[in-house]
Amino acid sequence: MNGVATPEVDSTGNNIAVKSLLSKVEGSGLLTKVAQSGLLSKAQDAGISLTKLEPLLDLAASNPEILVLVEASGPELLPILPKIVDLAPGALPLLASAVGISPSLLQVAAVASLGAAAGVVVVVPDDTVVNVALQTLAVATLGVAAPAASVVGSVVLGKLTK
């Protein structure tokens, strides 16, 4: 062998992992659950439509390096996708609610989260290993992850709802 991993394919040349994933999506009724959740209606009411996504597709088409990155990450992402399909039905109500959040509220949440992280660092003494671990966890979640997710979410929602 030349050391390059080749995808396993069936007799007609279909990638078996992709075929299995699509069968799992179909068997789980995920698309029906998306329709029943009201996510698409809420997205439309919030001003998000497929035509708003066209600039993102144009951006990907005009930057071939994005497509190269997506293609290169395919083999690593493929094993994760069935887990996402399993988690998706439970996340649909959360996504449906999140679509209605205003981008400015997400930005306020980012600032509040940073303030909460600073508050934990100030209030919790750093005299034991457990307290230092608590401070570190608070900074990682409230000071980095939550604000980053809020800012990215506000930018994406802001672009999609314009």
C-alpha atoms as a PDB file:
ATOM      1  CA  MET A   1       0.000   0.000   0.000  1.00  0.00           C
ATOM      2  CA  ASN A   2       1.047   3.607  -0.474  1.00  0.00           C
ATOM      3  CA  GLY A   3      -0.046   4.701   3.008  1.00  0.00           C
ATOM      4  CA  VAL A   4      -3.094   6.638   1.773  1.00  0.00           C
ATOM      5  CA  ALA A   5      -6.379   5.559   3.327  1.00  0.00           C
ATOM      6  CA  THR A   6      -9.094   4.927   0.775  1.00  0.00           C
ATOM      7  CA  PRO A   7     -12.761   5.024   1.726  1.00  0.00           C
ATOM      8  CA  GLU A   8     -14.612   1.751   1.722  1.00  0.00           C
ATOM      9  CA  VAL A   9     -17.130   1.631  -1.103  1.00  0.00           C
ATOM     10  CA  ASP A  10     -19.899  -0.730  -2.083  1.00  0.00           C
ATOM     11  CA  SER A  11     -20.198  -2.475  -5.438  1.00  0.00           C
ATOM     12  CA  THR A  12     -21.587   0.660  -7.127  1.00  0.00           C
ATOM     13  CA  GLY A  13     -18.899   2.977  -5.750  1.00  0.00           C
ATOM     14  CA  ASN A  14     -20.922   4.571  -2.940  1.00  0.00           C
ATOM     15  CA  ASN A  15     -18.994   5.453   0.195  1.00  0.00           C
ATOM     16  CA  ILE A  16     -20.313   2.969   2.758  1.00  0.00           C
ATOM     17  CA  ALA A  17     -19.928   5.368   5.716  1.00  0.00           C
ATOM     18  CA  VAL A  18     -21.877   8.121   3.937  1.00  0.00           C
ATOM     19  CA  LYS A  19     -24.524   5.657   2.795  1.00  0.00           C
ATOM     20  CA  SER A  20     -24.873   4.390   6.377  1.00  0.00           C
ATOM     21  CA  LEU A  21     -25.163   7.959   7.705  1.00  0.00           C
ATOM     22  CA  LEU A  22     -27.889   8.862   5.215  1.00  0.00           C
ATOM     23  CA  SER A  23     -29.768   5.660   6.084  1.00  0.00           C
ATOM     24  CA  LYS A  24     -29.524   6.578   9.773  1.00  0.00           C
ATOM     25  CA  VAL A  25     -30.881  10.085   9.082  1.00  0.00           C
ATOM     26  CA  GLU A  26     -33.757   8.589   7.115  1.00  0.00           C
ATOM     27  CA  GLY A  27     -34.474   5.904   9.710  1.00  0.00           C
ATOM     28  CA  SER A  28     -34.489   8.376  12.592  1.00  0.00           C
ATOM     29  CA  GLY A  29     -37.032  10.632  10.903  1.00  0.00           C
ATOM     30  CA  LEU A  30     -34.764  13.606  11.563  1.00  0.00           C
ATOM     31  CA  LEU A  31     -36.153  15.741   8.750  1.00  0.00           C
ATOM     32  CA  THR A  32     -39.716  15.096   9.919  1.00  0.00           C
ATOM     33  CA  LYS A  33     -38.681  16.083  13.444  1.00  0.00           C
ATOM     34  CA  VAL A  34     -37.112  19.286  12.095  1.00  0.00           C
ATOM     35  CA  ALA A  35     -40.407  20.127  10.367  1.00  0.00           C
ATOM     36  CA  GLN A  36     -42.456  19.294  13.483  1.00  0.00           C
ATOM     37  CA  SER A  37     -40.223  21.372  15.760  1.00  0.00           C
ATOM     38  CA  GLY A  38     -41.183  24.592  14.008  1.00  0.00           C
ATOM     39  CA  LEU A  39     -37.504  25.460  13.555  1.00  0.00           C
ATOM     40  CA  LEU A  40     -37.888  26.381   9.900  1.00  0.00           C
ATOM     41  CA  SER A  41     -40.960  28.563  10.522  1.00  0.00           C
ATOM     42  CA  LYS A  42     -39.234  30.341  13.393  1.00  0.00           C
ATOM     43  CA  ALA A  43     -36.154  30.869  11.256  1.00  0.00           C
ATOM     44  CA  GLN A  44     -38.308  32.339   8.500  1.00  0.00           C
ATOM     45  CA  ASP A  45     -40.131  34.568  11.007  1.00  0.00           C
ATOM     46  CA  ALA A  46     -36.725  35.774  12.251  1.00  0.00           C
ATOM     47  CA  GLY A  47     -35.784  36.703   8.695  1.00  0.00           C
ATOM     48  CA  ILE A  48     -33.517  33.737   7.995  1.00  0.00           C
ATOM     49  CA  SER A  49     -34.030  32.151   4.611  1.00  0.00           C
ATOM     50  CA  LEU A  50     -32.070  30.054   2.165  1.00  0.00           C
ATOM     51  CA  THR A  51     -31.499  33.139   0.021  1.00  0.00           C
ATOM     52  CA  LYS A  52     -29.661  34.687   2.978  1.00  0.00           C
ATOM     53  CA  LEU A  53     -27.305  31.699   2.926  1.00  0.00           C
ATOM     54  CA  GLU A  54     -26.364  32.253  -0.718  1.00  0.00           C
ATOM     55  CA  PRO A  55     -23.588  34.764   0.101  1.00  0.00           C
ATOM     56  CA  LEU A  56     -21.987  32.137   2.340  1.00  0.00           C
ATOM     57  CA  LEU A  57     -22.103  29.626  -0.518  1.00  0.00           C
ATOM     58  CA  ASP A  58     -20.673  32.230  -2.897  1.00  0.00           C
ATOM     59  CA  LEU A  59     -17.886  32.902  -0.404  1.00  0.00           C
ATOM     60  CA  ALA A  60     -17.056  29.196  -0.271  1.00  0.00           C
ATOM     61  CA  ALA A  61     -17.164  28.934  -4.064  1.00  0.00           C
ATOM     62  CA  SER A  62     -14.865  31.927  -4.555  1.00  0.00           C
ATOM     63  CA  ASN A  63     -12.342  30.638  -1.997  1.00  0.00           C
ATOM     64  CA  PRO A  64     -11.228  27.167  -3.076  1.00  0.00           C
ATOM     65  CA  GLU A  65      -9.107  26.794   0.059  1.00  0.00           C
ATOM     66  CA  ILE A  66     -12.326  26.565   2.111  1.00  0.00           C
ATOM     67  CA  LEU A  67     -13.503  23.637   0.021  1.00  0.00           C
ATOM     68  CA  VAL A  68     -10.084  21.996   0.343  1.00  0.00           C
ATOM     69  CA  LEU A  69     -10.320  22.295   4.148  1.00  0.00           C
ATOM     70  CA  VAL A  70     -13.832  20.830   4.148  1.00  0.00           C
ATOM     71  CA  GLU A  71     -12.747  17.966   1.913  1.00  0.00           C
ATOM     72  CA  ALA A  72      -9.634  17.308   4.013  1.00  0.00           C
ATOM     73  CA  SER A  73     -11.655  17.210   7.228  1.00  0.00           C
ATOM     74  CA  GLY A  74     -14.226  14.814   5.769  1.00  0.00           C
ATOM     75  CA  PRO A  75     -12.643  11.551   6.947  1.00  0.00           C
ATOM     76  CA  GLU A  76     -12.236  12.901  10.477  1.00  0.00           C
ATOM     77  CA  LEU A  77     -15.768  14.337  10.629  1.00  0.00           C
ATOM     78  CA  LEU A  78     -17.557  11.333   9.154  1.00  0.00           C
ATOM     79  CA  PRO A  79     -17.359   9.206  12.341  1.00  0.00           C
ATOM     80  CA  ILE A  80     -18.747  12.134  14.385  1.00  0.00           C
ATOM     81  CA  LEU A  81     -21.795  12.761  12.199  1.00  0.00           C
ATOM     82  CA  PRO A  82     -23.848   9.756  13.447  1.00  0.00           C
ATOM     83  CA  LYS A  83     -23.475  11.096  16.998  1.00  0.00           C
ATOM     84  CA  ILE A  84     -24.752  14.474  15.807  1.00  0.00           C
ATOM     85  CA  VAL A  85     -27.734  12.757  14.172  1.00  0.00           C
ATOM     86  CA  ASP A  86     -28.454  11.038  17.504  1.00  0.00           C
ATOM     87  CA  LEU A  87     -28.258  14.322  19.445  1.00  0.00           C
ATOM     88  CA  ALA A  88     -30.119  16.472  16.904  1.00  0.00           C
ATOM     89  CA  PRO A  89     -33.718  15.633  17.889  1.00  0.00           C
ATOM     90  CA  GLY A  90     -33.086  16.732  21.472  1.00  0.00           C
ATOM     91  CA  ALA A  91     -31.390  19.922  20.304  1.00  0.00           C
ATOM     92  CA  LEU A  92     -34.203  20.997  17.958  1.00  0.00           C
ATOM     93  CA  PRO A  93     -36.295  22.808  20.612  1.00  0.00           C
ATOM     94  CA  LEU A  94     -33.171  24.624  21.787  1.00  0.00           C
ATOM     95  CA  LEU A  95     -32.310  25.642  18.226  1.00  0.00           C
ATOM     96  CA  ALA A  96     -35.880  26.761  17.593  1.00  0.00           C
ATOM     97  CA  SER A  97     -35.687  28.983  20.674  1.00  0.00           C
ATOM     98  CA  ALA A  98     -32.220  30.269  19.795  1.00  0.00           C
ATOM     99  CA  VAL A  99     -33.347  31.486  16.377  1.00  0.00           C
ATOM    100  CA  GLY A 100     -35.567  34.062  18.053  1.00  0.00           C
ATOM    101  CA  ILE A 101     -32.779  35.554  20.184  1.00  0.00           C
ATOM    102  CA  SER A 102     -31.599  38.949  19.017  1.00  0.00           C
ATOM    103  CA  PRO A 103     -27.895  39.353  18.168  1.00  0.00           C
ATOM    104  CA  SER A 104     -27.593  42.259  20.609  1.00  0.00           C
ATOM    105  CA  LEU A 105     -28.886  40.065  23.449  1.00  0.00           C
ATOM    106  CA  LEU A 106     -26.177  37.525  22.632  1.00  0.00           C
ATOM    107  CA  GLN A 107     -23.556  40.272  22.811  1.00  0.00           C
ATOM    108  CA  VAL A 108     -24.873  41.341  26.218  1.00  0.00           C
ATOM    109  CA  ALA A 109     -24.714  37.691  27.318  1.00  0.00           C
ATOM    110  CA  ALA A 110     -21.047  37.557  26.252  1.00  0.00           C
ATOM    111  CA  VAL A 111     -20.219  40.597  28.382  1.00  0.00           C
ATOM    112  CA  ALA A 112     -22.231  39.241  31.319  1.00  0.00           C
ATOM    113  CA  SER A 113     -20.419  35.928  31.054  1.00  0.00           C
ATOM    114  CA  LEU A 114     -17.049  37.669  31.140  1.00  0.00           C
ATOM    115  CA  GLY A 115     -18.188  39.586  34.219  1.00  0.00           C
ATOM    116  CA  ALA A 116     -19.305  36.360  35.886  1.00  0.00           C
ATOM    117  CA  ALA A 117     -15.911  34.770  35.205  1.00  0.00           C
ATOM    118  CA  ALA A 118     -14.155  37.770  36.722  1.00  0.00           C
ATOM    119  CA  GLY A 119     -16.523  37.632  39.688  1.00  0.00           C
ATOM    120  CA  VAL A 120     -15.699  33.984  40.365  1.00  0.00           C
ATOM    121  CA  VAL A 121     -11.979  34.738  40.246  1.00  0.00           C
ATOM    122  CA  VAL A 122     -12.397  37.636  42.689  1.00  0.00           C
ATOM    123  CA  VAL A 123     -14.842  35.944  45.069  1.00  0.00           C
ATOM    124  CA  VAL A 124     -13.386  32.429  45.229  1.00  0.00           C
ATOM    125  CA  PRO A 125     -10.118  32.446  47.184  1.00  0.00           C
ATOM    126  CA  ASP A 126      -7.148  30.764  45.578  1.00  0.00           C
ATOM    127  CA  ASP A 127      -5.930  29.075  48.730  1.00  0.00           C
ATOM    128  CA  THR A 128      -6.620  25.429  47.809  1.00  0.00           C
ATOM    129  CA  VAL A 129      -6.169  23.291  44.724  1.00  0.00           C
ATOM    130  CA  VAL A 130      -9.940  22.775  44.504  1.00  0.00           C
ATOM    131  CA  ASN A 131     -10.600  26.526  44.516  1.00  0.00           C
ATOM    132  CA  VAL A 132      -7.939  27.154  41.876  1.00  0.00           C
ATOM    133  CA  ALA A 133      -9.499  24.391  39.758  1.00  0.00           C
ATOM    134  CA  LEU A 134     -12.913  26.040  40.218  1.00  0.00           C
ATOM    135  CA  GLN A 135     -11.493  29.400  39.116  1.00  0.00           C
ATOM    136  CA  THR A 136      -9.856  27.776  36.096  1.00  0.00           C
ATOM    137  CA  LEU A 137     -13.081  26.025  35.122  1.00  0.00           C
ATOM    138  CA  ALA A 138     -15.042  29.258  35.513  1.00  0.00           C
ATOM    139  CA  VAL A 139     -12.590  31.200  33.351  1.00  0.00           C
ATOM    140  CA  ALA A 140     -12.586  28.469  30.687  1.00  0.00           C
ATOM    141  CA  THR A 141     -16.365  28.217  30.486  1.00  0.00           C
ATOM    142  CA  LEU A 142     -17.624  31.661  31.478  1.00  0.00           C
ATOM    143  CA  GLY A 143     -14.608  33.663  30.342  1.00  0.00           C
ATOM    144  CA  VAL A 144     -13.750  31.941  27.066  1.00  0.00           C
ATOM    145  CA  ALA A 145     -16.236  29.359  25.731  1.00  0.00           C
ATOM    146  CA  ALA A 146     -19.538  31.093  26.508  1.00  0.00           C
ATOM    147  CA  PRO A 147     -18.466  34.563  25.307  1.00  0.00           C
ATOM    148  CA  ALA A 148     -16.933  33.108  22.148  1.00  0.00           C
ATOM    149  CA  ALA A 149     -20.099  31.136  21.370  1.00  0.00           C
ATOM    150  CA  SER A 150     -22.249  34.200  22.092  1.00  0.00           C
ATOM    151  CA  VAL A 151     -20.206  36.491  19.861  1.00  0.00           C
ATOM    152  CA  VAL A 152     -20.060  33.974  17.009  1.00  0.00           C
ATOM    153  CA  GLY A 153     -23.795  33.358  17.385  1.00  0.00           C
ATOM    154  CA  SER A 154     -24.559  37.082  17.334  1.00  0.00           C
ATOM    155  CA  VAL A 155     -22.453  37.601  14.211  1.00  0.00           C
ATOM    156  CA  VAL A 156     -24.065  34.671  12.397  1.00  0.00           C
ATOM    157  CA  LEU A 157     -27.596  35.644  13.422  1.00  0.00           C
ATOM    158  CA  GLY A 158     -26.873  39.258  12.590  1.00  0.00           C
ATOM    159  CA  LYS A 159     -25.741  38.316   9.080  1.00  0.00           C
ATOM    160  CA  LEU A 160     -28.630  35.917   8.496  1.00  0.00           C
ATOM    161  CA  THR A 161     -31.387  38.190   9.796  1.00  0.00           C
ATOM    162  CA  LYS A 162     -30.392  41.364   7.953  1.00  0.00           C
END
